[in-house]
Protein backbone atom coordinates (compact mmCIF):
# COMPACT_ATOMS: atom_id res chain seq x y z
CA UNK A 1 -12.02 44.23 9.27
CA UNK A 2 -13.89 40.97 8.94
CA UNK A 3 -17.21 41.04 10.90
CA UNK A 4 -18.88 37.31 10.92
CA UNK A 5 -22.72 37.36 10.91
CA UNK A 6 -24.11 35.68 13.91
CA UNK A 7 -27.66 34.23 13.40
CA UNK A 8 -29.81 33.01 15.97
CA UNK A 9 -30.13 29.58 14.11
CA UNK A 10 -26.40 29.15 13.61
CA UNK A 11 -24.31 30.99 16.35
CA UNK A 12 -20.67 30.71 15.21
CA UNK A 13 -17.44 32.63 16.26
CA UNK A 14 -14.48 31.85 13.88
CA UNK A 15 -12.06 32.79 16.39
CA UNK A 16 -13.03 29.80 18.48
CA UNK A 17 -12.01 27.49 15.62
CA UNK A 18 -8.58 29.40 15.39
CA UNK A 19 -8.10 28.98 19.05
CA UNK A 20 -8.78 24.92 18.65
CA UNK A 21 -6.01 24.97 15.76
CA UNK A 22 -3.47 26.86 18.01
CA UNK A 23 -4.21 24.41 20.82
CA UNK A 24 -3.50 21.41 18.29
CA UNK A 25 -0.28 22.96 17.07
CA UNK A 26 0.83 23.25 20.82
CA UNK A 27 -0.26 19.79 21.30
CA UNK A 28 1.76 18.29 18.54
CA UNK A 29 4.77 20.51 19.27
CA UNK A 30 4.76 19.01 22.95
CA UNK A 31 4.33 15.51 22.15
CA UNK A 32 6.84 15.57 19.08
CA UNK A 33 9.15 17.22 21.34
CA UNK A 34 9.11 14.62 24.09
CA UNK A 35 9.55 11.79 21.23
CA UNK A 36 12.34 13.20 19.29
CA UNK A 37 14.49 15.53 21.42
CA UNK A 38 17.10 14.64 23.89
CA UNK A 39 16.77 15.35 27.75
CA UNK A 40 19.78 17.89 27.21
CA UNK A 41 17.77 19.71 24.65
CA UNK A 42 14.70 19.87 26.40
CA UNK A 43 16.32 21.27 29.63
CA UNK A 44 18.83 23.79 28.30
CA UNK A 45 17.95 25.82 25.58
CA UNK A 46 15.02 27.65 23.85
CA UNK A 47 13.81 24.65 21.92
CA UNK A 48 12.99 23.08 25.36
CA UNK A 49 11.07 26.23 26.43
CA UNK A 50 8.91 25.94 23.14
CA UNK A 51 8.01 22.35 23.93
CA UNK A 52 7.03 23.40 27.58
CA UNK A 53 4.88 25.95 26.18
CA UNK A 54 3.01 23.25 24.15
CA UNK A 55 2.22 21.49 27.39
CA UNK A 56 -0.44 24.47 27.94
CA UNK A 57 -2.28 22.60 25.07
CA UNK A 58 -5.07 21.17 27.13
CA UNK A 59 -5.50 24.42 29.06
CA UNK A 60 -6.70 25.94 25.82
CA UNK A 61 -8.51 22.80 24.71
CA UNK A 62 -10.55 22.77 27.97
CA UNK A 63 -10.94 26.59 27.95
CA UNK A 64 -12.42 26.39 24.32
CA UNK A 65 -14.76 23.52 25.41
CA UNK A 66 -16.45 25.93 27.82
CA UNK A 67 -16.08 28.95 25.50
CA UNK A 68 -18.25 27.13 23.03
CA UNK A 69 -21.06 26.36 25.42
CA UNK A 70 -20.77 29.82 26.55
CA UNK A 71 -21.30 31.31 23.26
CA UNK A 72 -23.99 28.73 22.33
CA UNK A 73 -25.79 29.73 25.60
CA UNK A 74 -27.41 32.87 24.09
CA UNK A 75 -29.55 30.69 21.73
CA UNK A 76 -31.59 29.69 24.67
CA UNK A 77 -32.19 26.08 22.76
CA UNK A 78 -33.82 23.28 24.80
CA UNK A 79 -31.00 20.60 25.57
CA UNK A 80 -31.34 17.46 23.48
CA UNK A 81 -29.86 15.08 26.05
CA UNK A 82 -29.85 12.26 23.66
CA UNK A 83 -27.01 14.27 21.57
CA UNK A 84 -25.25 15.29 24.90
CA UNK A 85 -25.19 11.55 26.08
CA UNK A 86 -24.05 10.31 22.68
CA UNK A 87 -21.28 12.95 22.64
CA UNK A 88 -20.21 12.17 26.32
CA UNK A 89 -20.47 8.22 25.47
CA UNK A 90 -18.56 8.41 22.40
CA UNK A 91 -15.78 10.34 24.15
CA UNK A 92 -15.54 8.14 27.14
CA UNK A 93 -15.03 5.07 24.81
CA UNK A 94 -12.37 6.90 22.90
CA UNK A 95 -10.61 7.66 26.21
CA UNK A 96 -11.14 3.88 27.22
CA UNK A 97 -9.33 2.89 24.21
CA UNK A 98 -6.46 4.92 25.11
CA UNK A 99 -6.31 3.34 28.79
CA UNK A 100 -6.65 -0.26 27.33
CA UNK A 101 -3.67 0.53 25.10
CA UNK A 102 -1.83 1.47 28.24
CA UNK A 103 -2.68 -1.58 29.93
CA UNK A 104 -5.49 0.08 32.26
CA UNK A 105 -9.03 -0.67 32.60
CA UNK A 106 -10.18 2.64 33.61
CA UNK A 107 -8.54 6.10 33.42
CA UNK A 108 -9.36 9.71 32.75
CA UNK A 109 -7.07 11.21 29.86
CA UNK A 110 -7.78 14.31 27.50
CA UNK A 111 -10.84 13.02 25.85
CA UNK A 112 -12.33 11.82 29.02
CA UNK A 113 -11.92 15.14 30.64
CA UNK A 114 -13.74 16.95 27.62
CA UNK A 115 -16.60 14.49 28.09
CA UNK A 116 -16.71 15.25 31.84
CA UNK A 117 -16.53 19.05 31.44
CA UNK A 118 -19.16 18.79 28.58
CA UNK A 119 -21.75 17.01 30.81
CA UNK A 120 -21.06 19.67 33.83
CA UNK A 121 -21.47 22.69 31.66
CA UNK A 122 -24.73 21.15 29.91
CA UNK A 123 -26.24 20.85 33.40
CA UNK A 124 -24.96 24.58 34.33
CA UNK A 125 -26.39 25.72 31.02
CA UNK A 126 -29.93 24.65 32.01
CA UNK A 127 -29.61 26.06 35.37
CA UNK A 128 -31.30 29.35 36.42
CA UNK A 129 -28.14 31.24 36.75
CA UNK A 130 -25.32 29.46 34.80
CA UNK A 131 -22.98 32.49 34.71
CA UNK A 132 -23.06 32.73 38.51
CA UNK A 133 -22.51 29.03 38.84
CA UNK A 134 -19.49 29.23 36.51
CA UNK A 135 -18.01 32.02 38.33
CA UNK A 136 -18.42 30.37 41.65
CA UNK A 137 -17.16 27.09 40.02
CA UNK A 138 -13.84 28.56 38.82
CA UNK A 139 -13.15 30.08 42.32
CA UNK A 140 -14.17 27.02 44.34
CA UNK A 141 -11.85 24.74 41.82
CA UNK A 142 -9.03 27.01 42.33
CA UNK A 143 -9.43 27.20 46.12
CA UNK A 144 -9.65 23.61 46.41
CA UNK A 145 -6.58 22.91 44.59
CA UNK A 146 -4.36 25.74 46.19
CA UNK A 147 -6.07 26.40 49.31
CA UNK A 148 -7.92 23.33 50.92
CA UNK A 149 -5.48 20.92 49.12
CA UNK A 150 -2.46 22.41 50.65
CA UNK A 151 -3.89 21.65 53.96
CA UNK A 152 -5.53 18.13 53.22
CA UNK A 153 -2.78 16.77 50.78
CA UNK A 154 -1.86 13.88 53.08
CA UNK A 155 -5.15 12.57 53.22
CA UNK A 156 -5.30 12.55 49.31
CA UNK A 157 -1.89 10.53 48.98
CA UNK A 158 -3.16 6.90 48.54
CA UNK A 159 -5.27 6.75 51.79
CA UNK A 160 -8.22 8.66 50.01
CA UNK A 161 -7.60 8.45 46.25
CA UNK A 162 -10.90 10.17 45.57
CA UNK A 163 -10.13 13.06 47.57
CA UNK A 164 -6.74 13.17 45.96
CA UNK A 165 -8.57 13.36 42.66
CA UNK A 166 -10.92 16.03 43.91
CA UNK A 167 -8.20 18.08 45.29
CA UNK A 168 -5.65 17.44 42.58
CA UNK A 169 -2.94 16.91 45.08
CA UNK A 170 -1.78 13.22 44.37
CA UNK A 171 -1.38 11.19 41.18
CA UNK A 172 -3.57 8.60 40.42
CA UNK A 173 -2.87 5.53 37.75
CA UNK A 174 -4.54 6.47 34.56
CA UNK A 175 -5.69 9.89 35.41
CA UNK A 176 -4.09 12.68 33.78
CA UNK A 177 -6.49 15.32 34.69
CA UNK A 178 -7.80 15.74 38.19
CA UNK A 179 -10.82 17.66 38.97
CA UNK A 180 -8.81 20.55 40.55
CA UNK A 181 -7.69 22.68 39.02
CA UNK A 182 -8.51 21.54 35.33
CA UNK A 183 -12.29 22.13 35.76
CA UNK A 184 -11.43 25.75 36.39
CA UNK A 185 -10.70 26.02 32.51
CA UNK A 186 -14.01 25.26 31.16
CA UNK A 187 -15.63 27.50 33.85
CA UNK A 188 -13.72 30.30 32.81
CA UNK A 189 -14.32 29.50 29.08
CA UNK A 190 -17.97 29.61 29.63
CA UNK A 191 -18.04 32.81 31.36
CA UNK A 192 -15.92 34.40 28.80
CA UNK A 193 -18.03 32.86 25.99
CA UNK A 194 -21.02 34.60 27.65
CA UNK A 195 -19.40 38.00 27.84
CA UNK A 196 -18.09 37.70 24.04
CA UNK A 197 -21.83 37.25 23.16
CA UNK A 198 -22.81 40.00 24.86
CA UNK A 199 -20.16 42.41 23.81
CA UNK A 200 -19.46 41.28 20.43
CA UNK A 201 -20.48 44.59 18.73
CA UNK A 202 -17.87 46.59 20.98
CA UNK A 203 -15.28 43.87 20.12
CA UNK A 204 -15.71 44.23 16.42
CA UNK A 205 -15.78 47.98 16.41
CA UNK A 206 -12.58 48.32 18.32
CA UNK A 207 -10.85 44.92 17.72
CA UNK A 208 -7.46 46.39 17.48
CA UNK A 209 -7.70 48.12 20.93
CA UNK A 210 -9.17 44.62 22.37
CA UNK A 211 -5.85 42.70 21.09
CA UNK A 212 -3.62 45.25 22.63
CA UNK A 213 -5.61 44.90 25.89
CA UNK A 214 -5.43 41.07 25.80
CA UNK A 215 -1.73 41.36 25.24
CA UNK A 216 -1.21 43.50 28.18
CA UNK A 217 -3.61 41.64 30.52
CA UNK A 218 -1.51 38.47 29.62
CA UNK A 219 1.63 40.12 30.69
CA UNK A 220 0.07 40.22 34.43
CA UNK A 221 0.18 36.50 34.95
CA UNK A 222 3.38 36.23 33.04
CA UNK A 223 5.10 38.66 35.30
CA UNK A 224 3.64 36.74 38.43
CA UNK A 225 4.83 33.39 36.79
CA UNK A 226 8.29 34.82 36.31
CA UNK A 227 8.26 35.95 39.92
CA UNK A 228 6.99 32.56 41.33
CA UNK A 229 9.93 30.88 39.21
CA UNK A 230 12.56 33.14 40.58
CA UNK A 231 11.27 31.72 44.19
CA UNK A 232 11.20 28.15 43.47
CA UNK A 233 7.57 27.62 42.61
CA UNK A 234 6.60 24.57 40.91
CA UNK A 235 5.65 24.58 37.09
CA UNK A 236 4.79 20.75 36.89
CA UNK A 237 1.77 19.79 34.73
CA UNK A 238 1.46 16.19 34.65
CA UNK A 239 -1.02 14.80 37.20
CA UNK A 240 -0.98 17.39 39.75
CA UNK A 241 -0.65 21.30 38.71
CA UNK A 242 2.10 23.34 40.19
CA UNK A 243 1.06 26.91 41.08
CA UNK A 244 3.20 28.41 38.68
CA UNK A 245 2.01 26.58 35.81
CA UNK A 246 -1.58 27.51 36.86
CA UNK A 247 -0.83 31.23 37.01
CA UNK A 248 1.25 31.04 33.76
CA UNK A 249 -1.80 29.32 32.03
CA UNK A 250 -3.87 32.46 32.33
CA UNK A 251 -1.33 34.34 30.41
CA UNK A 252 -1.38 31.79 27.63
CA UNK A 253 -5.21 32.03 27.55
CA UNK A 254 -5.12 35.65 27.03
CA UNK A 255 -2.44 35.32 24.54
CA UNK A 256 -4.43 32.85 22.64
CA UNK A 257 -7.40 35.07 22.52
CA UNK A 258 -5.42 38.02 21.21
CA UNK A 259 -3.75 35.82 18.46
CA UNK A 260 -6.89 34.31 17.30
CA UNK A 261 -8.45 37.83 17.29
CA UNK A 262 -5.41 39.24 15.32
CA UNK A 263 -5.38 36.45 12.87
CA UNK A 264 -9.22 36.96 12.09
CA UNK A 265 -8.82 40.65 11.65
CA UNK A 266 -8.54 41.19 7.77
CA UNK A 267 -9.50 39.14 4.83
CA UNK A 268 -5.89 39.01 3.47
CA UNK A 269 -5.22 36.82 6.31
CA UNK A 270 -8.17 34.26 5.36
CA UNK A 271 -5.71 31.76 3.82
CA UNK A 272 -3.77 31.47 7.00
CA UNK A 273 -6.94 31.55 9.14
CA UNK A 274 -8.38 28.64 7.26
CA UNK A 275 -4.91 26.86 7.33
CA UNK A 276 -5.11 27.13 11.30
CA UNK A 277 -8.71 26.86 12.01
CA UNK A 278 -10.11 23.33 13.22
CA UNK A 279 -13.96 22.91 13.77
CA UNK A 280 -16.34 20.27 14.64
CA UNK A 281 -15.02 16.67 14.26
CA UNK A 282 -11.84 17.77 13.00
CA UNK A 283 -10.86 19.27 16.35
CA UNK A 284 -11.42 15.89 17.97
CA UNK A 285 -9.98 13.73 15.08
CA UNK A 286 -6.61 15.48 15.34
CA UNK A 287 -6.11 13.96 18.57
CA UNK A 288 -5.68 10.32 17.68
CA UNK A 289 -4.36 11.19 14.30
CA UNK A 290 -1.38 13.26 15.77
CA UNK A 291 -0.66 10.34 18.20
CA UNK A 292 -0.54 7.89 15.35
CA UNK A 293 1.82 10.13 13.32
CA UNK A 294 4.24 11.04 16.28
CA UNK A 295 4.36 7.42 17.27
CA UNK A 296 5.65 6.54 13.84
CA UNK A 297 8.13 9.52 13.94
CA UNK A 298 9.37 8.03 17.17
CA UNK A 299 10.05 4.50 15.70
CA UNK A 300 12.52 6.30 13.23
CA UNK A 301 14.65 6.99 16.25
CA UNK A 302 15.87 10.19 14.69
CA UNK A 303 18.13 12.39 16.69
CA UNK A 304 17.04 15.99 15.54
CA UNK A 305 18.63 19.43 15.87
CA UNK A 306 16.47 22.45 15.86
CA UNK A 307 16.17 22.94 12.28
CA UNK A 308 15.19 19.07 12.00
CA UNK A 309 12.49 19.47 14.81
CA UNK A 310 10.98 22.44 13.10
CA UNK A 311 10.82 20.63 9.54
CA UNK A 312 9.38 17.56 11.30
CA UNK A 313 6.66 19.41 13.51
CA UNK A 314 5.74 21.35 10.35
CA UNK A 315 4.97 17.94 8.39
CA UNK A 316 3.37 16.34 11.30
CA UNK A 317 1.03 19.48 11.89
CA UNK A 318 0.16 19.76 8.18
CA UNK A 319 -0.57 16.12 7.71
CA UNK A 320 -2.69 15.84 10.88
CA UNK A 321 -4.67 18.93 9.97
CA UNK A 322 -5.06 17.68 6.56
CA UNK A 323 -6.35 14.02 7.79
CA UNK A 324 -8.58 15.63 10.35
CA UNK A 325 -10.36 17.60 7.77
CA UNK A 326 -10.71 14.67 5.54
CA UNK A 327 -12.51 12.82 8.59
CA UNK A 328 -14.72 16.13 9.08
CA UNK A 329 -15.65 15.83 5.35
CA UNK A 330 -16.06 12.20 5.65
CA UNK A 331 -18.56 12.78 8.34
CA UNK A 332 -20.54 15.56 6.44
CA UNK A 333 -20.76 12.91 3.41
CA UNK A 334 -22.05 10.00 5.48
CA UNK A 335 -24.80 12.26 6.87
CA UNK A 336 -26.17 12.84 3.51
CA UNK A 337 -26.35 9.04 2.98
CA UNK A 338 -29.50 6.97 3.00
CA UNK A 339 -29.41 4.03 5.59
CA UNK A 340 -27.99 5.99 8.42
CA UNK A 341 -28.75 2.80 10.66
CA UNK A 342 -26.47 0.78 8.64
CA UNK A 343 -23.50 3.27 8.66
CA UNK A 344 -23.98 3.68 12.41
CA UNK A 345 -23.81 -0.20 12.80
CA UNK A 346 -20.62 -0.64 10.52
CA UNK A 347 -18.84 2.30 12.60
CA UNK A 348 -19.58 0.41 15.82
CA UNK A 349 -18.17 -2.82 14.58
CA UNK A 350 -15.19 -1.19 13.59
CA UNK A 351 -15.04 0.15 17.08
CA UNK A 352 -15.58 -3.34 18.64
CA UNK A 353 -13.11 -4.82 16.41
CA UNK A 354 -10.39 -2.34 17.16
CA UNK A 355 -11.23 -2.57 20.94
CA UNK A 356 -10.61 -6.30 20.75
CA UNK A 357 -7.40 -6.00 19.11
CA UNK A 358 -6.39 -3.50 21.49
CA UNK A 359 -7.42 -5.49 24.26
CA UNK A 360 -5.58 -8.80 22.89
CA UNK A 361 -2.46 -7.61 21.43
CA UNK A 362 -1.46 -4.89 23.90
CA UNK A 363 1.69 -5.11 26.13
CA UNK A 364 3.00 -7.96 23.82
CA UNK A 365 0.30 -10.42 24.99
CA UNK A 366 0.51 -12.46 21.54
CA UNK A 367 3.70 -14.31 22.00
CA UNK A 368 4.18 -15.25 18.23
CA UNK A 369 4.16 -11.55 17.27
CA UNK A 370 7.26 -9.48 18.35
CA UNK A 371 6.52 -6.86 20.88
CA UNK A 372 7.25 -4.03 18.41
CA UNK A 373 4.65 -5.32 15.96
CA UNK A 374 2.47 -5.81 18.72
CA UNK A 375 2.76 -2.19 19.82
CA UNK A 376 2.42 -0.96 16.16
CA UNK A 377 -0.85 -2.91 15.64
CA UNK A 378 -2.35 -1.50 18.79
CA UNK A 379 -1.43 1.99 17.85
CA UNK A 380 -2.85 1.34 14.14
CA UNK A 381 -6.20 -0.23 15.60
CA UNK A 382 -6.49 2.26 18.46
CA UNK A 383 -6.40 5.23 15.82
CA UNK A 384 -9.02 3.49 13.42
CA UNK A 385 -11.27 2.71 16.57
CA UNK A 386 -11.17 6.40 17.67
CA UNK A 387 -11.93 7.74 14.35
CA UNK A 388 -14.80 5.67 14.10
CA UNK A 389 -16.05 6.92 17.12
CA UNK A 390 -15.47 10.68 16.00
CA UNK A 391 -17.84 9.62 13.11
CA UNK A 392 -20.17 8.54 15.51
CA UNK A 393 -20.50 11.98 16.79
CA UNK A 394 -22.37 12.80 13.70
CA UNK A 395 -23.84 9.53 12.77
CA UNK A 396 -26.59 8.30 15.26
CA UNK A 397 -29.08 5.29 15.25
CA UNK A 398 -32.25 7.77 15.41
CA UNK A 399 -30.54 10.64 13.34
CA UNK A 400 -32.27 12.59 10.98
CA UNK A 401 -30.50 14.37 8.03
CA UNK A 402 -30.64 17.77 9.98
CA UNK A 403 -27.26 19.21 10.81
CA UNK A 404 -26.17 19.17 14.38
CA UNK A 405 -23.47 21.46 15.61
CA UNK A 406 -20.84 19.64 17.55
CA UNK A 407 -18.76 21.64 19.88
CA UNK A 408 -15.58 20.58 21.79
């Protein structure tokens, strides 16, 4: 059994990296499935079920965001708000690039919601009772969506869009993740992160029983979700979140925790653990990289059977992880260089050029370039711009060469 050492100066839980990797795999399977599989394949067989399970990827990502803050909360370190605002600003800009490529000026997608969650959790972490606030926040957000939202839904359907975003009861252009119920996952993650730190020795001393207990607990929301499915409950996820999906998501979280603990049990599994785990910048870089790869796979117009889909998914996952770790290593290399201000300025220039190209060429606005070439150019420059922003998480204008932990 492997028992990672936890130091006050560098609190790190390797299972968190594995959870990020599992979430990334689910994300890639989901996006690749909707790009390459036919509606018949998605709706009729087990392959479609696998792609649907991939739609729980943001649940794990947002949960891990909160869990990282909960684990780090035991360090009792003073918040460096410049670091926090740098992270939030970078994520918001990366999210804006996504919106601009979709011909929207503003939006709230995956990276933007992580930015919002990070800001909320940082404020809570500095409060006098962070654990209490997270517990209250979790139940309040859940009640807003599935209690208050059911009664006030007509008010949020267009007439009061802000209320619709708060309650999560109506779709808003460019908003993939309304406040309710998505903020519940970071709150829950924070709470469990604190519990893990407090009970780390117990978990390590009886890890196998912990794994079995998590699998058993995961069956409870699974059974409830199956019951709801038989009675016509909604499992819709995009924009608004159906009750069936919300209940099932907690089963996925518990399963994910159990699998992460199992992968990290023995040293014999260390090669597999290393292959699956994503940490730091790589867990963010995998987002634009996989979008870029899935886009090019979609351009090939392939009609895949189950074997072809698995082979393609394996290649996209492996390439995404490899390139993401390259960005991670590149960031570490750049941090050791002199003239950090020059590097920072260069990355900002790359982002500004990418943003300009996205805004200029998006939606075929340049008449002399065919529409498909417009779209491909936008995808390429958007990806480069987002990767430059990922590097800006570790390269800052006023930065020293001291390492800074970036959690996501």
